[in-house]
């Protein structure tokens, strides 16, 4: 490894950091509600979903397909949408079609060409992530999923498993979610870059680096 590079491997959260999950979720709800006699405001859907999903994940381990389905049921119930049970799996069905942010592949390509190994630590099932990886244009050397560790971030499992697999290599984690990624990284002593796409107010604990985009991350590291 070149001494000029501060890290050997960079891992990323996937949905929200690499993949535009907000557009994916809002679009899936918008399509699913058509023909059911209801209307949903996309911003309200997202705010409700982002509040409900971590609660579902924390209750007990279940597959991410099941998390998506149960979260959709609870969002629908809270917003007064009579979601037909036969259609309750619409989020998992839509996930393979969620696309990367515009800066994702260019930034990953720059990092890969600079010699970094790349990884993903994601609250997802292996088969769903395999579909998402088809949207990425670089090799991914390390993958840690919720299915593998049987827990969801911000629990320790993704990070302790990644640390075991990474060994002595210099490691940076990069993620958008302060709750799911920055806080556990700081708790466990993992260097972390907060990709603060939404320009949220900085909370505690402080990340090692705060950036607005993956382009800024690539600018810093290459």
Protein backbone atom coordinates (compact mmCIF):
# COMPACT_ATOMS: atom_id res chain seq x y z
CA UNK A 1 0.00 0.00 0.00
CA UNK A 2 1.19 3.49 -0.77
CA UNK A 3 2.28 5.58 2.22
CA UNK A 4 0.42 8.50 0.62
CA UNK A 5 -2.93 6.89 1.35
CA UNK A 6 -4.18 7.41 4.92
CA UNK A 7 -6.28 4.22 4.84
CA UNK A 8 -6.15 0.83 3.16
CA UNK A 9 -9.88 0.04 3.10
CA UNK A 10 -12.97 2.25 3.08
CA UNK A 11 -16.32 0.76 3.97
CA UNK A 12 -19.65 2.39 3.26
CA UNK A 13 -23.17 2.23 4.48
CA UNK A 14 -25.26 1.44 1.41
CA UNK A 15 -28.85 2.73 1.48
CA UNK A 16 -28.84 6.46 2.05
CA UNK A 17 -25.09 6.77 1.48
CA UNK A 18 -24.47 5.06 -1.86
CA UNK A 19 -28.07 4.42 -2.91
CA UNK A 20 -30.84 7.04 -2.97
CA UNK A 21 -33.16 5.14 -0.66
CA UNK A 22 -35.41 8.15 0.02
CA UNK A 23 -36.39 8.42 -3.64
CA UNK A 24 -36.70 4.62 -3.74
CA UNK A 25 -38.99 4.44 -0.74
CA UNK A 26 -41.12 7.45 -1.69
CA UNK A 27 -41.51 6.14 -5.24
CA UNK A 28 -42.46 2.67 -4.04
CA UNK A 29 -45.18 4.06 -1.76
CA UNK A 30 -46.44 6.37 -4.50
CA UNK A 31 -46.79 3.48 -6.94
CA UNK A 32 -48.30 1.12 -4.37
CA UNK A 33 -51.03 3.52 -3.29
CA UNK A 34 -52.32 4.01 -6.85
CA UNK A 35 -55.74 2.49 -7.23
CA UNK A 36 -56.35 2.02 -3.49
CA UNK A 37 -58.40 5.17 -3.01
CA UNK A 38 -55.78 6.85 -0.80
CA UNK A 39 -53.21 9.59 -1.25
CA UNK A 40 -49.94 9.92 0.65
CA UNK A 41 -47.58 12.87 0.92
CA UNK A 42 -44.06 11.60 0.08
CA UNK A 43 -42.37 13.79 2.72
CA UNK A 44 -44.72 12.50 5.41
CA UNK A 45 -44.14 8.94 4.24
CA UNK A 46 -40.36 9.33 4.50
CA UNK A 47 -40.45 11.00 7.90
CA UNK A 48 -42.76 8.30 9.22
CA UNK A 49 -40.77 5.47 7.67
CA UNK A 50 -37.44 6.74 9.00
CA UNK A 51 -38.95 6.84 12.49
CA UNK A 52 -40.61 3.42 12.32
CA UNK A 53 -37.96 1.25 10.66
CA UNK A 54 -35.37 1.47 13.48
CA UNK A 55 -38.07 0.47 15.96
CA UNK A 56 -38.92 -2.62 13.90
CA UNK A 57 -35.23 -3.51 13.56
CA UNK A 58 -34.65 -3.20 17.30
CA UNK A 59 -37.53 -5.47 18.33
CA UNK A 60 -35.98 -8.76 17.21
CA UNK A 61 -33.86 -10.01 14.34
CA UNK A 62 -35.86 -10.74 11.22
CA UNK A 63 -34.84 -10.57 7.59
CA UNK A 64 -34.70 -7.17 5.97
CA UNK A 65 -37.48 -8.24 3.64
CA UNK A 66 -39.60 -8.76 6.74
CA UNK A 67 -38.44 -5.43 8.20
CA UNK A 68 -39.44 -3.61 5.02
CA UNK A 69 -42.81 -5.32 4.96
CA UNK A 70 -43.63 -4.74 8.62
CA UNK A 71 -42.42 -1.13 8.44
CA UNK A 72 -44.65 -0.53 5.42
CA UNK A 73 -47.63 -1.99 7.29
CA UNK A 74 -47.02 0.34 10.26
CA UNK A 75 -46.51 3.40 8.07
CA UNK A 76 -49.74 2.64 6.22
CA UNK A 77 -51.62 2.12 9.47
CA UNK A 78 -50.33 5.38 10.96
CA UNK A 79 -51.13 7.37 7.83
CA UNK A 80 -54.57 5.87 7.38
CA UNK A 81 -53.86 3.87 4.23
CA UNK A 82 -55.62 0.52 3.99
CA UNK A 83 -52.63 -1.37 2.56
CA UNK A 84 -53.82 -4.69 1.11
CA UNK A 85 -51.89 -7.50 2.78
CA UNK A 86 -51.25 -9.12 -0.59
CA UNK A 87 -49.26 -6.02 -1.55
CA UNK A 88 -47.43 -5.52 1.75
CA UNK A 89 -44.12 -6.69 0.27
CA UNK A 90 -43.92 -3.88 -2.26
CA UNK A 91 -40.86 -2.22 -0.67
CA UNK A 92 -38.67 -5.33 -0.90
CA UNK A 93 -39.85 -5.84 -4.47
CA UNK A 94 -38.81 -2.29 -5.35
CA UNK A 95 -35.41 -2.28 -3.61
CA UNK A 96 -33.41 -3.84 -6.49
CA UNK A 97 -34.44 -0.85 -8.63
CA UNK A 98 -33.28 1.86 -6.20
CA UNK A 99 -30.44 3.70 -7.93
CA UNK A 100 -27.17 5.24 -6.76
CA UNK A 101 -26.75 8.92 -6.08
CA UNK A 102 -25.15 10.77 -8.99
CA UNK A 103 -21.84 11.07 -7.15
CA UNK A 104 -21.63 7.44 -6.00
CA UNK A 105 -20.00 5.59 -8.89
CA UNK A 106 -17.64 8.41 -9.92
CA UNK A 107 -16.37 8.68 -6.33
CA UNK A 108 -16.03 4.91 -5.90
CA UNK A 109 -14.15 4.67 -9.18
CA UNK A 110 -11.71 7.37 -8.08
CA UNK A 111 -11.09 5.61 -4.76
CA UNK A 112 -10.68 2.23 -6.45
CA UNK A 113 -8.21 3.63 -9.00
CA UNK A 114 -6.26 5.24 -6.14
CA UNK A 115 -5.72 1.78 -4.68
CA UNK A 116 -8.25 1.63 -1.87
CA UNK A 117 -10.11 -1.56 -1.13
CA UNK A 118 -13.83 -0.95 -0.76
CA UNK A 119 -16.51 -2.52 1.40
CA UNK A 120 -20.17 -2.25 2.36
CA UNK A 121 -21.70 -2.62 5.83
CA UNK A 122 -25.45 -2.67 5.35
CA UNK A 123 -28.70 -3.36 7.16
CA UNK A 124 -29.93 -5.68 4.41
CA UNK A 125 -30.22 -9.28 3.25
CA UNK A 126 -27.49 -10.79 1.10
CA UNK A 127 -29.72 -11.38 -1.91
CA UNK A 128 -31.10 -7.84 -1.91
CA UNK A 129 -27.60 -6.37 -1.70
CA UNK A 130 -26.52 -8.59 -4.58
CA UNK A 131 -29.18 -6.90 -6.71
CA UNK A 132 -28.08 -3.44 -5.58
CA UNK A 133 -24.44 -4.21 -6.39
CA UNK A 134 -25.41 -4.48 -10.05
CA UNK A 135 -25.77 -0.67 -9.97
CA UNK A 136 -22.19 -0.19 -8.75
CA UNK A 137 -19.27 -0.02 -11.16
CA UNK A 138 -16.39 -1.12 -8.90
CA UNK A 139 -15.46 -4.36 -7.12
CA UNK A 140 -16.52 -4.61 -3.48
CA UNK A 141 -13.93 -6.48 -1.41
CA UNK A 142 -15.77 -6.73 1.91
CA UNK A 143 -19.47 -7.19 2.56
CA UNK A 144 -21.11 -7.36 5.97
CA UNK A 145 -24.91 -7.57 6.06
CA UNK A 146 -27.53 -7.78 8.75
CA UNK A 147 -28.27 -11.29 7.55
CA UNK A 148 -24.67 -12.31 8.25
CA UNK A 149 -24.45 -10.80 11.76
CA UNK A 150 -28.12 -11.32 12.73
CA UNK A 151 -28.51 -7.76 13.96
CA UNK A 152 -29.05 -4.23 12.67
CA UNK A 153 -26.88 -1.17 13.03
CA UNK A 154 -26.43 0.71 15.35
CA UNK A 155 -25.76 -2.60 17.14
CA UNK A 156 -22.11 -3.59 17.20
CA UNK A 157 -22.31 -6.67 14.95
CA UNK A 158 -21.48 -5.11 11.58
CA UNK A 159 -18.49 -3.24 12.97
CA UNK A 160 -16.98 -5.98 15.11
CA UNK A 161 -17.35 -8.46 12.24
CA UNK A 162 -15.78 -6.02 9.79
CA UNK A 163 -12.91 -5.40 12.20
CA UNK A 164 -12.25 -9.14 12.43
CA UNK A 165 -12.21 -9.49 8.64
CA UNK A 166 -10.15 -6.36 8.02
CA UNK A 167 -7.45 -7.29 10.52
CA UNK A 168 -4.55 -4.87 10.66
CA UNK A 169 -5.44 -2.84 7.60
CA UNK A 170 -6.12 0.86 8.14
CA UNK A 171 -9.88 1.30 8.00
CA UNK A 172 -12.26 4.21 7.47
CA UNK A 173 -16.05 3.87 7.51
CA UNK A 174 -18.17 6.41 5.59
CA UNK A 175 -21.90 6.82 6.09
CA UNK A 176 -24.79 9.24 6.02
CA UNK A 177 -26.60 8.14 9.17
CA UNK A 178 -25.31 9.57 12.43
CA UNK A 179 -27.58 7.22 14.39
CA UNK A 180 -26.82 3.98 12.52
CA UNK A 181 -23.13 4.49 11.76
CA UNK A 182 -21.34 7.48 13.27
CA UNK A 183 -22.42 6.80 16.86
CA UNK A 184 -21.44 3.10 16.91
CA UNK A 185 -18.16 3.81 15.11
CA UNK A 186 -17.20 6.35 17.74
CA UNK A 187 -18.26 3.96 20.49
CA UNK A 188 -16.06 1.23 19.03
CA UNK A 189 -13.10 3.36 18.02
CA UNK A 190 -13.59 3.05 14.26
CA UNK A 191 -12.53 6.13 12.25
CA UNK A 192 -15.65 7.48 10.56
CA UNK A 193 -16.50 10.07 7.92
CA UNK A 194 -20.03 11.44 8.15
CA UNK A 195 -21.47 12.01 4.66
CA UNK A 196 -23.93 14.64 5.79
CA UNK A 197 -25.95 14.85 2.57
CA UNK A 198 -28.90 16.55 4.27
CA UNK A 199 -26.64 19.05 6.09
CA UNK A 200 -28.12 18.07 9.42
CA UNK A 201 -27.08 19.84 12.60
CA UNK A 202 -23.95 18.27 14.00
CA UNK A 203 -24.64 16.19 17.07
CA UNK A 204 -22.59 14.15 19.47
CA UNK A 205 -20.47 12.19 19.13
CA UNK A 206 -18.47 14.10 16.54
CA UNK A 207 -17.31 12.20 13.46
CA UNK A 208 -13.64 12.17 12.55
CA UNK A 209 -14.53 14.00 9.34
CA UNK A 210 -17.72 15.63 8.10
CA UNK A 211 -18.38 15.91 4.37
CA UNK A 212 -21.44 16.74 2.27
CA UNK A 213 -20.95 14.34 -0.64
CA UNK A 214 -18.98 11.33 -1.77
CA UNK A 215 -17.23 13.64 -4.21
CA UNK A 216 -15.80 15.51 -1.22
CA UNK A 217 -14.72 12.19 0.28
CA UNK A 218 -12.86 11.27 -2.91
CA UNK A 219 -11.31 14.74 -3.07
CA UNK A 220 -9.98 14.27 0.45
CA UNK A 221 -8.62 10.75 -0.02
CA UNK A 222 -7.17 10.89 -3.54
